[in-house]
Amino acid sequence: MASSLNLSLTDELREYVNSRSGDAGLYATPSEYIRDLIRRDMESQATVTHVMEGLDDIRDGRFSDRSILDIAKEN
């Protein structure tokens, strides 16, 4: 279920959002643009989380000296 969120933007930010949406922009509406920004941020955060988990694995000795190509050849 969708819910609404109201936010305040400076004039400069609002002008930028407007330039990215509507007839002149890539997105049909400002809401579509903001939703896409949030989705991209979520994807970026997931990547950061995976990298941090990988670093934890290395620190804790959970790694292989085989390359990804070696592993792929086994499958």
PDB file of N, CA and C in Angstrom:
ATOM      1  N   MET A   1       0.836  -1.171   0.000  1.00  0.00           N
ATOM      2  CA  MET A   1       0.000   0.000   0.000  1.00  0.00           C
ATOM      3  C   MET A   1       0.884   1.238   0.000  1.00  0.00           C
ATOM      4  N   ALA A   2       0.583   2.188  -0.838  1.00  0.00           N
ATOM      5  CA  ALA A   2       1.355   3.428  -0.921  1.00  0.00           C
ATOM      6  C   ALA A   2       0.889   4.404   0.149  1.00  0.00           C
ATOM      7  N   SER A   3       1.827   5.155   0.646  1.00  0.00           N
ATOM      8  CA  SER A   3       1.494   6.220   1.578  1.00  0.00           C
ATOM      9  C   SER A   3       2.192   7.480   1.106  1.00  0.00           C
ATOM     10  N   SER A   4       1.736   8.612   1.598  1.00  0.00           N
ATOM     11  CA  SER A   4       2.316   9.863   1.121  1.00  0.00           C
ATOM     12  C   SER A   4       3.332  10.388   2.120  1.00  0.00           C
ATOM     13  N   LEU A   5       4.247  11.194   1.611  1.00  0.00           N
ATOM     14  CA  LEU A   5       5.283  11.826   2.403  1.00  0.00           C
ATOM     15  C   LEU A   5       5.420  13.254   1.903  1.00  0.00           C
ATOM     16  N   ASN A   6       5.263  14.180   2.781  1.00  0.00           N
ATOM     17  CA  ASN A   6       5.432  15.584   2.406  1.00  0.00           C
ATOM     18  C   ASN A   6       6.820  16.037   2.827  1.00  0.00           C
ATOM     19  N   LEU A   7       7.483  16.801   1.959  1.00  0.00           N
ATOM     20  CA  LEU A   7       8.786  17.317   2.313  1.00  0.00           C
ATOM     21  C   LEU A   7       8.951  18.728   1.788  1.00  0.00           C
ATOM     22  N   SER A   8       9.834  19.455   2.422  1.00  0.00           N
ATOM     23  CA  SER A   8      10.120  20.826   2.015  1.00  0.00           C
ATOM     24  C   SER A   8      11.463  20.855   1.310  1.00  0.00           C
ATOM     25  N   LEU A   9      11.526  21.591   0.226  1.00  0.00           N
ATOM     26  CA  LEU A   9      12.759  21.743  -0.534  1.00  0.00           C
ATOM     27  C   LEU A   9      13.081  23.219  -0.664  1.00  0.00           C
ATOM     28  N   THR A  10      14.368  23.515  -0.740  1.00  0.00           N
ATOM     29  CA  THR A  10      14.752  24.891  -1.046  1.00  0.00           C
ATOM     30  C   THR A  10      14.317  25.181  -2.479  1.00  0.00           C
ATOM     31  N   ASP A  11      14.260  26.445  -2.821  1.00  0.00           N
ATOM     32  CA  ASP A  11      13.893  26.809  -4.193  1.00  0.00           C
ATOM     33  C   ASP A  11      14.851  26.176  -5.201  1.00  0.00           C
ATOM     34  N   GLU A  12      16.135  26.159  -4.857  1.00  0.00           N
ATOM     35  CA  GLU A  12      17.134  25.579  -5.749  1.00  0.00           C
ATOM     36  C   GLU A  12      16.876  24.092  -5.971  1.00  0.00           C
ATOM     37  N   LEU A  13      16.597  23.351  -4.896  1.00  0.00           N
ATOM     38  CA  LEU A  13      16.309  21.925  -5.039  1.00  0.00           C
ATOM     39  C   LEU A  13      15.023  21.689  -5.805  1.00  0.00           C
ATOM     40  N   ARG A  14      14.022  22.477  -5.526  1.00  0.00           N
ATOM     41  CA  ARG A  14      12.747  22.315  -6.237  1.00  0.00           C
ATOM     42  C   ARG A  14      12.919  22.570  -7.727  1.00  0.00           C
ATOM     43  N   GLU A  15      13.686  23.574  -8.098  1.00  0.00           N
ATOM     44  CA  GLU A  15      13.940  23.853  -9.507  1.00  0.00           C
ATOM     45  C   GLU A  15      14.661  22.683 -10.167  1.00  0.00           C
ATOM     46  N   TYR A  16      15.591  22.093  -9.440  1.00  0.00           N
ATOM     47  CA  TYR A  16      16.313  20.951  -9.986  1.00  0.00           C
ATOM     48  C   TYR A  16      15.377  19.764 -10.195  1.00  0.00           C
ATOM     49  N   VAL A  17      14.571  19.453  -9.190  1.00  0.00           N
ATOM     50  CA  VAL A  17      13.604  18.354  -9.313  1.00  0.00           C
ATOM     51  C   VAL A  17      12.676  18.614 -10.488  1.00  0.00           C
ATOM     52  N   ASN A  18      12.214  19.835 -10.616  1.00  0.00           N
ATOM     53  CA  ASN A  18      11.332  20.182 -11.736  1.00  0.00           C
ATOM     54  C   ASN A  18      12.037  19.983 -13.077  1.00  0.00           C
ATOM     55  N   SER A  19      13.343  20.277 -13.126  1.00  0.00           N
ATOM     56  CA  SER A  19      14.079  20.111 -14.380  1.00  0.00           C
ATOM     57  C   SER A  19      14.247  18.641 -14.749  1.00  0.00           C
ATOM     58  N   ARG A  20      14.181  17.761 -13.763  1.00  0.00           N
ATOM     59  CA  ARG A  20      14.341  16.327 -14.001  1.00  0.00           C
ATOM     60  C   ARG A  20      13.015  15.625 -14.270  1.00  0.00           C
ATOM     61  N   SER A  21      11.917  16.328 -14.109  1.00  0.00           N
ATOM     62  CA  SER A  21      10.599  15.720 -14.290  1.00  0.00           C
ATOM     63  C   SER A  21       9.736  16.586 -15.197  1.00  0.00           C
ATOM     64  N   GLY A  22       8.633  16.018 -15.627  1.00  0.00           N
ATOM     65  CA  GLY A  22       7.731  16.743 -16.514  1.00  0.00           C
ATOM     66  C   GLY A  22       8.164  16.617 -17.958  1.00  0.00           C
ATOM     67  N   ASP A  23       7.665  17.506 -18.783  1.00  0.00           N
ATOM     68  CA  ASP A  23       7.948  17.447 -20.223  1.00  0.00           C
ATOM     69  C   ASP A  23       9.430  17.587 -20.545  1.00  0.00           C
ATOM     70  N   ALA A  24      10.157  18.349 -19.736  1.00  0.00           N
ATOM     71  CA  ALA A  24      11.567  18.606 -20.019  1.00  0.00           C
ATOM     72  C   ALA A  24      12.497  17.555 -19.430  1.00  0.00           C
ATOM     73  N   GLY A  25      11.989  16.690 -18.584  1.00  0.00           N
ATOM     74  CA  GLY A  25      12.872  15.771 -17.862  1.00  0.00           C
ATOM     75  C   GLY A  25      12.704  14.322 -18.227  1.00  0.00           C
ATOM     76  N   LEU A  26      13.481  13.515 -17.568  1.00  0.00           N
ATOM     77  CA  LEU A  26      13.487  12.070 -17.783  1.00  0.00           C
ATOM     78  C   LEU A  26      12.306  11.386 -17.102  1.00  0.00           C
ATOM     79  N   TYR A  27      11.814  11.969 -16.022  1.00  0.00           N
ATOM     80  CA  TYR A  27      10.741  11.379 -15.215  1.00  0.00           C
ATOM     81  C   TYR A  27       9.430  12.119 -15.457  1.00  0.00           C
ATOM     82  N   ALA A  28       8.346  11.396 -15.387  1.00  0.00           N
ATOM     83  CA  ALA A  28       7.031  11.990 -15.644  1.00  0.00           C
ATOM     84  C   ALA A  28       6.621  12.948 -14.533  1.00  0.00           C
ATOM     85  N   THR A  29       6.957  12.600 -13.299  1.00  0.00           N
ATOM     86  CA  THR A  29       6.540  13.422 -12.155  1.00  0.00           C
ATOM     87  C   THR A  29       7.686  13.548 -11.157  1.00  0.00           C
ATOM     88  N   PRO A  30       7.656  14.572 -10.320  1.00  0.00           N
ATOM     89  CA  PRO A  30       8.654  14.672  -9.255  1.00  0.00           C
ATOM     90  C   PRO A  30       8.642  13.445  -8.347  1.00  0.00           C
ATOM     91  N   SER A  31       7.483  12.901  -8.068  1.00  0.00           N
ATOM     92  CA  SER A  31       7.397  11.707  -7.220  1.00  0.00           C
ATOM     93  C   SER A  31       8.137  10.530  -7.834  1.00  0.00           C
ATOM     94  N   GLU A  32       8.001  10.357  -9.140  1.00  0.00           N
ATOM     95  CA  GLU A  32       8.696   9.267  -9.826  1.00  0.00           C
ATOM     96  C   GLU A  32      10.205   9.450  -9.684  1.00  0.00           C
ATOM     97  N   TYR A  33      10.673  10.677  -9.820  1.00  0.00           N
ATOM     98  CA  TYR A  33      12.097  10.974  -9.680  1.00  0.00           C
ATOM     99  C   TYR A  33      12.588  10.658  -8.271  1.00  0.00           C
ATOM    100  N   ILE A  34      11.874  11.100  -7.254  1.00  0.00           N
ATOM    101  CA  ILE A  34      12.264  10.864  -5.865  1.00  0.00           C
ATOM    102  C   ILE A  34      12.255   9.369  -5.556  1.00  0.00           C
ATOM    103  N   ARG A  35      11.239   8.653  -6.030  1.00  0.00           N
ATOM    104  CA  ARG A  35      11.198   7.198  -5.801  1.00  0.00           C
ATOM    105  C   ARG A  35      12.408   6.511  -6.420  1.00  0.00           C
ATOM    106  N   ASP A  36      12.807   6.946  -7.637  1.00  0.00           N
ATOM    107  CA  ASP A  36      13.964   6.352  -8.282  1.00  0.00           C
ATOM    108  C   ASP A  36      15.240   6.648  -7.499  1.00  0.00           C
ATOM    109  N   LEU A  37      15.375   7.870  -6.976  1.00  0.00           N
ATOM    110  CA  LEU A  37      16.535   8.196  -6.151  1.00  0.00           C
ATOM    111  C   LEU A  37      16.605   7.289  -4.924  1.00  0.00           C
ATOM    112  N   ILE A  38      15.474   7.060  -4.294  1.00  0.00           N
ATOM    113  CA  ILE A  38      15.441   6.208  -3.107  1.00  0.00           C
ATOM    114  C   ILE A  38      15.812   4.773  -3.475  1.00  0.00           C
ATOM    115  N   ARG A  39      15.273   4.271  -4.578  1.00  0.00           N
ATOM    116  CA  ARG A  39      15.612   2.902  -5.008  1.00  0.00           C
ATOM    117  C   ARG A  39      17.108   2.767  -5.278  1.00  0.00           C
ATOM    118  N   ARG A  40      17.686   3.760  -5.946  1.00  0.00           N
ATOM    119  CA  ARG A  40      19.119   3.716  -6.237  1.00  0.00           C
ATOM    120  C   ARG A  40      19.942   3.764  -4.953  1.00  0.00           C
ATOM    121  N   ASP A  41      19.493   4.558  -3.995  1.00  0.00           N
ATOM    122  CA  ASP A  41      20.183   4.627  -2.714  1.00  0.00           C
ATOM    123  C   ASP A  41      20.105   3.281  -2.000  1.00  0.00           C
ATOM    124  N   MET A  42      18.964   2.629  -2.074  1.00  0.00           N
ATOM    125  CA  MET A  42      18.807   1.310  -1.452  1.00  0.00           C
ATOM    126  C   MET A  42      19.771   0.308  -2.085  1.00  0.00           C
ATOM    127  N   GLU A  43      19.903   0.346  -3.410  1.00  0.00           N
ATOM    128  CA  GLU A  43      20.827  -0.550  -4.104  1.00  0.00           C
ATOM    129  C   GLU A  43      22.265  -0.254  -3.694  1.00  0.00           C
ATOM    130  N   SER A  44      22.612   1.014  -3.597  1.00  0.00           N
ATOM    131  CA  SER A  44      23.964   1.393  -3.179  1.00  0.00           C
ATOM    132  C   SER A  44      24.248   0.911  -1.768  1.00  0.00           C
ATOM    133  N   GLN A  45      23.281   1.064  -0.891  1.00  0.00           N
ATOM    134  CA  GLN A  45      23.465   0.620   0.490  1.00  0.00           C
ATOM    135  C   GLN A  45      23.635  -0.884   0.557  1.00  0.00           C
ATOM    136  N   ALA A  46      22.904  -1.617  -0.266  1.00  0.00           N
ATOM    137  CA  ALA A  46      23.048  -3.073  -0.295  1.00  0.00           C
ATOM    138  C   ALA A  46      24.461  -3.452  -0.745  1.00  0.00           C
ATOM    139  N   THR A  47      24.994  -2.737  -1.719  1.00  0.00           N
ATOM    140  CA  THR A  47      26.356  -2.992  -2.187  1.00  0.00           C
ATOM    141  C   THR A  47      27.357  -2.732  -1.070  1.00  0.00           C
ATOM    142  N   VAL A  48      27.192  -1.612  -0.383  1.00  0.00           N
ATOM    143  CA  VAL A  48      28.087  -1.285   0.736  1.00  0.00           C
ATOM    144  C   VAL A  48      28.017  -2.370   1.801  1.00  0.00           C
ATOM    145  N   THR A  49      26.821  -2.831   2.096  1.00  0.00           N
ATOM    146  CA  THR A  49      26.646  -3.884   3.104  1.00  0.00           C
ATOM    147  C   THR A  49      27.381  -5.154   2.697  1.00  0.00           C
ATOM    148  N   HIS A  50      27.270  -5.544   1.423  1.00  0.00           N
ATOM    149  CA  HIS A  50      27.953  -6.750   0.945  1.00  0.00           C
ATOM    150  C   HIS A  50      29.469  -6.596   1.023  1.00  0.00           C
ATOM    151  N   VAL A  51      29.971  -5.433   0.667  1.00  0.00           N
ATOM    152  CA  VAL A  51      31.413  -5.195   0.742  1.00  0.00           C
ATOM    153  C   VAL A  51      31.877  -5.282   2.193  1.00  0.00           C
ATOM    154  N   MET A  52      31.127  -4.655   3.092  1.00  0.00           N
ATOM    155  CA  MET A  52      31.499  -4.692   4.514  1.00  0.00           C
ATOM    156  C   MET A  52      31.474  -6.131   5.045  1.00  0.00           C
ATOM    157  N   GLU A  53      30.485  -6.908   4.628  1.00  0.00           N
ATOM    158  CA  GLU A  53      30.428  -8.313   5.039  1.00  0.00           C
ATOM    159  C   GLU A  53      31.633  -9.083   4.496  1.00  0.00           C
ATOM    160  N   GLY A  54      32.023  -8.773   3.257  1.00  0.00           N
ATOM    161  CA  GLY A  54      33.201  -9.415   2.672  1.00  0.00           C
ATOM    162  C   GLY A  54      34.470  -9.064   3.428  1.00  0.00           C
ATOM    163  N   LEU A  55      34.579  -7.802   3.834  1.00  0.00           N
ATOM    164  CA  LEU A  55      35.741  -7.400   4.622  1.00  0.00           C
ATOM    165  C   LEU A  55      35.760  -8.106   5.979  1.00  0.00           C
ATOM    166  N   ASP A  56      34.582  -8.266   6.574  1.00  0.00           N
ATOM    167  CA  ASP A  56      34.490  -9.028   7.825  1.00  0.00           C
ATOM    168  C   ASP A  56      34.960 -10.470   7.616  1.00  0.00           C
ATOM    169  N   ASP A  57      34.540 -11.071   6.493  1.00  0.00           N
ATOM    170  CA  ASP A  57      34.955 -12.443   6.190  1.00  0.00           C
ATOM    171  C   ASP A  57      36.472 -12.535   6.084  1.00  0.00           C
ATOM    172  N   ILE A  58      37.081 -11.579   5.396  1.00  0.00           N
ATOM    173  CA  ILE A  58      38.540 -11.588   5.253  1.00  0.00           C
ATOM    174  C   ILE A  58      39.200 -11.430   6.617  1.00  0.00           C
ATOM    175  N   ARG A  59      38.718 -10.481   7.390  1.00  0.00           N
ATOM    176  CA  ARG A  59      39.291 -10.235   8.721  1.00  0.00           C
ATOM    177  C   ARG A  59      39.194 -11.476   9.602  1.00  0.00           C
ATOM    178  N   ASP A  60      38.087 -12.202   9.474  1.00  0.00           N
ATOM    179  CA  ASP A  60      37.853 -13.380  10.303  1.00  0.00           C
ATOM    180  C   ASP A  60      38.402 -14.669   9.688  1.00  0.00           C
ATOM    181  N   GLY A  61      39.154 -14.536   8.589  1.00  0.00           N
ATOM    182  CA  GLY A  61      39.798 -15.700   7.981  1.00  0.00           C
ATOM    183  C   GLY A  61      38.891 -16.550   7.123  1.00  0.00           C
ATOM    184  N   ARG A  62      37.740 -16.036   6.759  1.00  0.00           N
ATOM    185  CA  ARG A  62      36.807 -16.803   5.916  1.00  0.00           C
ATOM    186  C   ARG A  62      36.985 -16.352   4.457  1.00  0.00           C
ATOM    187  N   PHE A  63      37.995 -16.906   3.809  1.00  0.00           N
ATOM    188  CA  PHE A  63      38.217 -16.581   2.410  1.00  0.00           C
ATOM    189  C   PHE A  63      38.924 -17.736   1.736  1.00  0.00           C
ATOM    190  N   SER A  64      38.974 -17.686   0.426  1.00  0.00           N
ATOM    191  CA  SER A  64      39.620 -18.733  -0.354  1.00  0.00           C
ATOM    192  C   SER A  64      40.733 -18.092  -1.165  1.00  0.00           C
ATOM    193  N   ASP A  65      41.796 -18.839  -1.402  1.00  0.00           N
ATOM    194  CA  ASP A  65      42.855 -18.311  -2.250  1.00  0.00           C
ATOM    195  C   ASP A  65      42.603 -18.634  -3.721  1.00  0.00           C
ATOM    196  N   ARG A  66      41.475 -19.284  -4.000  1.00  0.00           N
ATOM    197  CA  ARG A  66      41.088 -19.557  -5.392  1.00  0.00           C
ATOM    198  C   ARG A  66      40.453 -18.308  -5.999  1.00  0.00           C
ATOM    199  N   SER A  67      40.659 -18.119  -7.281  1.00  0.00           N
ATOM    200  CA  SER A  67      40.044 -16.981  -7.968  1.00  0.00           C
ATOM    201  C   SER A  67      38.599 -17.315  -8.330  1.00  0.00           C
ATOM    202  N   ILE A  68      37.858 -16.291  -8.680  1.00  0.00           N
ATOM    203  CA  ILE A  68      36.468 -16.502  -9.103  1.00  0.00           C
ATOM    204  C   ILE A  68      36.427 -17.373 -10.361  1.00  0.00           C
ATOM    205  N   LEU A  69      37.452 -17.265 -11.206  1.00  0.00           N
ATOM    206  CA  LEU A  69      37.511 -18.112 -12.413  1.00  0.00           C
ATOM    207  C   LEU A  69      37.714 -19.572 -12.038  1.00  0.00           C
ATOM    208  N   ASP A  70      38.554 -19.827 -11.028  1.00  0.00           N
ATOM    209  CA  ASP A  70      38.749 -21.208 -10.550  1.00  0.00           C
ATOM    210  C   ASP A  70      37.426 -21.780 -10.037  1.00  0.00           C
ATOM    211  N   ILE A  71      36.730 -21.004  -9.275  1.00  0.00           N
ATOM    212  CA  ILE A  71      35.449 -21.453  -8.709  1.00  0.00           C
ATOM    213  C   ILE A  71      34.439 -21.693  -9.813  1.00  0.00           C
ATOM    214  N   ALA A  72      34.396 -20.799 -10.796  1.00  0.00           N
ATOM    215  CA  ALA A  72      33.447 -20.942 -11.912  1.00  0.00           C
ATOM    216  C   ALA A  72      33.742 -22.200 -12.730  1.00  0.00           C
ATOM    217  N   LYS A  73      35.000 -22.537 -12.901  1.00  0.00           N
ATOM    218  CA  LYS A  73      35.374 -23.737 -13.670  1.00  0.00           C
ATOM    219  C   LYS A  73      34.872 -25.017 -12.997  1.00  0.00           C
ATOM    220  N   GLU A  74      34.798 -24.989 -11.662  1.00  0.00           N
ATOM    221  CA  GLU A  74      34.336 -26.163 -10.918  1.00  0.00           C
ATOM    222  C   GLU A  74      32.841 -26.412 -11.110  1.00  0.00           C
ATOM    223  N   ASN A  75      32.098 -25.388 -11.460  1.00  0.00           N
ATOM    224  CA  ASN A  75      30.647 -25.522 -11.624  1.00  0.00           C
ATOM    225  C   ASN A  75      30.375 -25.802 -13.033  1.00  0.00           C
TER     226      ASN A  75
END
